[in-house]
């Protein structure tokens, strides 16, 4: 694209210096079309070259990662069953004294 813009600027400059009539004799229309084709070919070649220079990467690679630390889970029971009173437990000695 840049080459094409430079080519247009050059053509405009040559037209202003030598005039329209002399420009038509000096640079035939076939040559102008050829220059445009060359710039287009250069642009098509530059795109893969640019892509190669960027070195794109595809795919994936497995990598083992060691993690440090522990996982902690906190659970809180807020149901109505938590409102019930607990039964008092007796020690084995107290049960024997009662004869159970």
N, C-alpha and C. Protein backbone atom coordinates (compact mmCIF):
# COMPACT_ATOMS: atom_id res chain seq x y z
N UNK A 1 0.83 -1.18 0.00
CA UNK A 1 0.00 0.00 0.00
C UNK A 1 0.87 1.25 0.00
N UNK A 2 1.92 1.22 0.80
CA UNK A 2 2.82 2.37 0.87
C UNK A 2 3.52 2.58 -0.47
N UNK A 3 3.91 1.47 -1.10
CA UNK A 3 4.57 1.57 -2.40
C UNK A 3 3.62 2.20 -3.43
N UNK A 4 2.37 1.81 -3.39
CA UNK A 4 1.38 2.36 -4.32
C UNK A 4 1.19 3.86 -4.10
N UNK A 5 1.14 4.29 -2.84
CA UNK A 5 0.99 5.71 -2.54
C UNK A 5 2.21 6.51 -3.00
N UNK A 6 3.40 5.95 -2.81
CA UNK A 6 4.63 6.61 -3.29
C UNK A 6 4.63 6.70 -4.81
N UNK A 7 4.14 5.68 -5.47
CA UNK A 7 4.07 5.69 -6.93
C UNK A 7 3.12 6.78 -7.41
N UNK A 8 2.00 6.94 -6.76
CA UNK A 8 1.06 8.01 -7.14
C UNK A 8 1.67 9.38 -6.91
N UNK A 9 2.39 9.54 -5.82
CA UNK A 9 3.02 10.82 -5.53
C UNK A 9 4.09 11.15 -6.57
N UNK A 10 4.86 10.13 -6.95
CA UNK A 10 5.89 10.32 -7.97
C UNK A 10 5.26 10.71 -9.30
N UNK A 11 4.19 10.04 -9.70
CA UNK A 11 3.50 10.37 -10.95
C UNK A 11 2.99 11.80 -10.92
N UNK A 12 2.44 12.23 -9.82
CA UNK A 12 1.93 13.59 -9.70
C UNK A 12 3.06 14.61 -9.82
N UNK A 13 4.20 14.31 -9.20
CA UNK A 13 5.35 15.19 -9.27
C UNK A 13 5.89 15.29 -10.70
N UNK A 14 5.98 14.17 -11.38
CA UNK A 14 6.47 14.17 -12.77
C UNK A 14 5.51 14.95 -13.67
N UNK A 15 4.22 14.81 -13.43
CA UNK A 15 3.23 15.55 -14.24
C UNK A 15 3.38 17.05 -14.04
N UNK A 16 3.64 17.49 -12.81
CA UNK A 16 3.77 18.92 -12.58
C UNK A 16 5.07 19.47 -13.16
N UNK A 17 6.13 18.67 -13.18
CA UNK A 17 7.42 19.15 -13.68
C UNK A 17 7.44 19.20 -15.20
N UNK A 18 7.02 18.12 -15.87
CA UNK A 18 7.17 18.06 -17.33
C UNK A 18 5.89 18.37 -18.09
N UNK A 19 4.79 18.43 -17.45
CA UNK A 19 3.54 18.72 -18.13
C UNK A 19 2.81 17.45 -18.54
N UNK A 20 1.53 17.60 -18.80
CA UNK A 20 0.65 16.46 -19.09
C UNK A 20 1.00 15.80 -20.42
N UNK A 21 1.30 16.58 -21.44
CA UNK A 21 1.58 16.02 -22.78
C UNK A 21 2.89 15.24 -22.78
N UNK A 22 3.92 15.79 -22.19
CA UNK A 22 5.21 15.11 -22.16
C UNK A 22 5.16 13.88 -21.24
N UNK A 23 4.37 13.97 -20.20
CA UNK A 23 4.22 12.84 -19.29
C UNK A 23 3.64 11.63 -20.02
N UNK A 24 2.66 11.88 -20.89
CA UNK A 24 2.04 10.78 -21.64
C UNK A 24 3.04 10.13 -22.58
N UNK A 25 4.00 10.91 -23.13
CA UNK A 25 5.02 10.33 -24.01
C UNK A 25 6.09 9.58 -23.21
N UNK A 26 6.47 10.14 -22.08
CA UNK A 26 7.55 9.54 -21.31
C UNK A 26 7.15 8.23 -20.62
N UNK A 27 6.00 8.25 -20.03
CA UNK A 27 5.56 7.07 -19.28
C UNK A 27 4.25 6.56 -19.88
N UNK A 28 4.32 5.52 -20.70
CA UNK A 28 3.09 4.99 -21.29
C UNK A 28 2.18 4.35 -20.24
N UNK A 29 0.92 4.23 -20.57
CA UNK A 29 -0.05 3.69 -19.62
C UNK A 29 0.25 2.24 -19.26
N UNK A 30 0.84 1.49 -20.18
CA UNK A 30 1.19 0.09 -19.88
C UNK A 30 2.20 0.04 -18.74
N UNK A 31 3.16 0.96 -18.74
CA UNK A 31 4.17 0.97 -17.68
C UNK A 31 3.55 1.32 -16.34
N UNK A 32 2.59 2.24 -16.34
CA UNK A 32 1.92 2.59 -15.09
C UNK A 32 1.16 1.40 -14.52
N UNK A 33 0.50 0.64 -15.39
CA UNK A 33 -0.21 -0.56 -14.93
C UNK A 33 0.74 -1.61 -14.40
N UNK A 34 1.91 -1.71 -15.05
CA UNK A 34 2.90 -2.68 -14.61
C UNK A 34 3.43 -2.30 -13.22
N UNK A 35 3.64 -1.03 -12.99
CA UNK A 35 4.12 -0.58 -11.69
C UNK A 35 3.09 -0.86 -10.60
N UNK A 36 1.82 -0.67 -10.93
CA UNK A 36 0.77 -0.98 -9.97
C UNK A 36 0.72 -2.47 -9.67
N UNK A 37 0.92 -3.29 -10.70
CA UNK A 37 0.93 -4.74 -10.50
C UNK A 37 2.12 -5.15 -9.64
N UNK A 38 3.27 -4.51 -9.88
CA UNK A 38 4.45 -4.82 -9.07
C UNK A 38 4.24 -4.44 -7.61
N UNK A 39 3.61 -3.31 -7.39
CA UNK A 39 3.37 -2.91 -6.00
C UNK A 39 2.39 -3.86 -5.32
N UNK A 40 1.41 -4.33 -6.09
CA UNK A 40 0.46 -5.28 -5.55
C UNK A 40 1.15 -6.60 -5.21
N UNK A 41 2.05 -7.03 -6.09
CA UNK A 41 2.79 -8.28 -5.84
C UNK A 41 3.70 -8.12 -4.63
N UNK A 42 4.30 -6.95 -4.50
CA UNK A 42 5.17 -6.71 -3.35
C UNK A 42 4.36 -6.74 -2.06
N UNK A 43 3.17 -6.19 -2.09
CA UNK A 43 2.32 -6.19 -0.90
C UNK A 43 1.90 -7.60 -0.54
N UNK A 44 1.57 -8.41 -1.55
CA UNK A 44 1.17 -9.79 -1.28
C UNK A 44 2.34 -10.59 -0.72
N UNK A 45 3.55 -10.25 -1.10
CA UNK A 45 4.72 -10.95 -0.56
C UNK A 45 5.09 -10.46 0.82
N UNK A 46 4.74 -9.23 1.14
CA UNK A 46 5.10 -8.66 2.43
C UNK A 46 4.26 -9.23 3.56
N UNK A 47 3.03 -9.59 3.27
CA UNK A 47 2.15 -10.10 4.32
C UNK A 47 2.67 -11.42 4.89
N UNK A 48 3.03 -12.42 4.07
CA UNK A 48 3.58 -13.64 4.66
C UNK A 48 4.93 -13.40 5.35
N UNK A 49 5.72 -12.48 4.80
CA UNK A 49 7.01 -12.19 5.43
C UNK A 49 6.81 -11.57 6.81
N UNK A 50 5.85 -10.66 6.92
CA UNK A 50 5.55 -10.06 8.21
C UNK A 50 5.06 -11.11 9.20
N UNK A 51 4.22 -12.01 8.72
CA UNK A 51 3.70 -13.07 9.59
C UNK A 51 4.84 -13.98 10.06
N UNK A 52 5.79 -14.26 9.18
CA UNK A 52 6.91 -15.11 9.57
C UNK A 52 7.79 -14.41 10.60
N UNK A 53 7.96 -13.12 10.47
CA UNK A 53 8.78 -12.38 11.43
C UNK A 53 8.14 -12.32 12.81
N UNK A 54 6.80 -12.33 12.85
CA UNK A 54 6.11 -12.29 14.14
C UNK A 54 6.17 -13.63 14.86
N UNK A 55 6.52 -14.70 14.15
CA UNK A 55 6.63 -16.06 14.68
C UNK A 55 5.39 -16.48 15.46
N UNK A 56 4.25 -16.63 14.81
CA UNK A 56 3.04 -17.04 15.53
C UNK A 56 3.16 -18.47 16.04
N UNK A 57 2.50 -18.75 17.13
CA UNK A 57 2.52 -20.09 17.74
C UNK A 57 1.09 -20.61 17.83
N UNK A 58 0.91 -21.87 17.45
CA UNK A 58 -0.40 -22.51 17.57
C UNK A 58 -0.25 -23.75 18.42
N UNK A 59 -1.35 -24.20 18.97
CA UNK A 59 -1.34 -25.43 19.75
C UNK A 59 -1.17 -25.16 21.23
N UNK A 60 -0.83 -26.21 21.97
CA UNK A 60 -0.65 -26.08 23.41
C UNK A 60 0.45 -27.02 23.85
N UNK A 61 0.91 -26.80 25.04
CA UNK A 61 1.96 -27.63 25.61
C UNK A 61 1.60 -27.88 27.07
N UNK A 62 1.60 -29.17 27.47
CA UNK A 62 1.29 -29.50 28.85
C UNK A 62 2.48 -29.14 29.72
N UNK A 63 2.19 -28.60 30.88
CA UNK A 63 3.25 -28.21 31.80
C UNK A 63 2.80 -28.53 33.22
N UNK A 64 3.65 -29.27 33.94
CA UNK A 64 3.33 -29.61 35.33
C UNK A 64 3.63 -28.42 36.23
N UNK A 65 2.69 -28.11 37.09
CA UNK A 65 2.83 -26.99 37.99
C UNK A 65 2.69 -27.51 39.42
N UNK A 66 3.64 -27.19 40.26
CA UNK A 66 3.54 -27.58 41.67
C UNK A 66 2.93 -26.42 42.44
N UNK A 67 1.93 -26.73 43.22
CA UNK A 67 1.24 -25.71 43.99
C UNK A 67 1.59 -25.84 45.45
N UNK A 68 1.67 -24.73 46.11
CA UNK A 68 1.97 -24.71 47.54
C UNK A 68 0.74 -24.22 48.29
N UNK A 69 0.57 -24.70 49.51
CA UNK A 69 -0.55 -24.25 50.31
C UNK A 69 -1.57 -25.35 50.54
N UNK A 70 -2.62 -25.01 51.25
CA UNK A 70 -3.68 -25.97 51.55
C UNK A 70 -5.02 -25.35 51.18
N UNK A 71 -5.98 -26.22 50.94
CA UNK A 71 -7.33 -25.75 50.66
C UNK A 71 -8.14 -25.80 51.95
N UNK A 72 -8.82 -24.74 52.26
CA UNK A 72 -9.63 -24.66 53.48
C UNK A 72 -11.08 -24.43 53.07
N UNK A 73 -11.97 -25.27 53.62
CA UNK A 73 -13.39 -25.12 53.35
C UNK A 73 -14.08 -24.90 54.69
N UNK A 74 -14.86 -23.88 54.80
CA UNK A 74 -15.62 -23.58 56.01
C UNK A 74 -17.09 -23.77 55.69
N UNK A 75 -17.75 -24.66 56.47
CA UNK A 75 -19.17 -24.91 56.26
C UNK A 75 -19.93 -24.48 57.52
N UNK A 76 -20.98 -23.73 57.35
CA UNK A 76 -21.80 -23.27 58.46
C UNK A 76 -23.23 -23.77 58.23
N UNK A 77 -23.75 -24.51 59.22
CA UNK A 77 -25.11 -25.04 59.12
C UNK A 77 -26.05 -24.04 59.80
N UNK A 78 -26.93 -23.43 59.04
CA UNK A 78 -27.84 -22.43 59.59
C UNK A 78 -29.30 -22.91 59.53
N UNK A 79 -29.47 -24.23 59.49
CA UNK A 79 -30.83 -24.76 59.41
C UNK A 79 -31.51 -24.73 60.78
N UNK A 80 -32.82 -24.97 60.79
CA UNK A 80 -33.60 -24.94 62.03
C UNK A 80 -33.20 -26.06 62.99
N UNK A 81 -32.65 -27.15 62.46
CA UNK A 81 -32.25 -28.26 63.33
C UNK A 81 -31.11 -27.87 64.27
N UNK A 82 -30.41 -26.83 63.95
CA UNK A 82 -29.33 -26.38 64.82
C UNK A 82 -29.85 -25.69 66.08
N UNK A 83 -31.14 -25.36 66.13
CA UNK A 83 -31.72 -24.73 67.31
C UNK A 83 -32.07 -25.74 68.41
N UNK A 84 -32.07 -27.03 68.10
CA UNK A 84 -32.41 -28.06 69.10
C UNK A 84 -31.30 -28.13 70.16
N UNK A 85 -31.73 -28.44 71.40
CA UNK A 85 -30.75 -28.54 72.48
C UNK A 85 -30.12 -29.92 72.48
N UNK A 86 -28.85 -29.94 72.81
CA UNK A 86 -28.11 -31.19 72.82
C UNK A 86 -28.40 -31.97 74.11
N UNK A 87 -28.31 -33.30 74.02
CA UNK A 87 -28.47 -34.18 75.19
C UNK A 87 -27.13 -34.19 75.92
N UNK A 88 -27.23 -34.05 77.23
CA UNK A 88 -26.00 -34.08 78.02
C UNK A 88 -25.51 -35.51 78.11
N UNK A 89 -24.25 -35.70 77.86
CA UNK A 89 -23.68 -37.04 77.92
C UNK A 89 -23.15 -37.30 79.33
N UNK A 90 -23.14 -38.56 79.67
CA UNK A 90 -22.63 -38.95 80.98
C UNK A 90 -21.34 -39.73 80.79
N UNK A 91 -20.48 -39.61 81.74
CA UNK A 91 -19.24 -40.36 81.67
C UNK A 91 -19.53 -41.83 81.98
N UNK A 92 -18.68 -42.75 81.56
CA UNK A 92 -18.93 -44.18 81.85
C UNK A 92 -19.01 -44.47 83.34
N UNK A 93 -18.28 -43.76 84.14
CA UNK A 93 -18.34 -43.98 85.60
C UNK A 93 -19.69 -43.59 86.18
N UNK A 94 -20.28 -42.51 85.68
CA UNK A 94 -21.59 -42.05 86.16
C UNK A 94 -22.67 -43.03 85.76
N UNK A 95 -22.55 -43.66 84.59
CA UNK A 95 -23.55 -44.63 84.14
C UNK A 95 -23.50 -45.90 85.02
N UNK A 96 -22.31 -46.29 85.38
CA UNK A 96 -22.18 -47.48 86.23
C UNK A 96 -22.78 -47.23 87.61
N UNK A 97 -22.63 -45.99 88.06
CA UNK A 97 -23.18 -45.66 89.39
C UNK A 97 -24.70 -45.69 89.37
N UNK A 98 -25.30 -45.37 88.25
CA UNK A 98 -26.76 -45.41 88.13
C UNK A 98 -27.25 -46.82 87.87
N UNK A 99 -26.38 -47.70 87.48
CA UNK A 99 -26.75 -49.07 87.22
C UNK A 99 -27.25 -49.29 85.79
N UNK A 100 -26.85 -48.47 84.92
CA UNK A 100 -27.30 -48.63 83.53
C UNK A 100 -26.41 -49.56 82.81
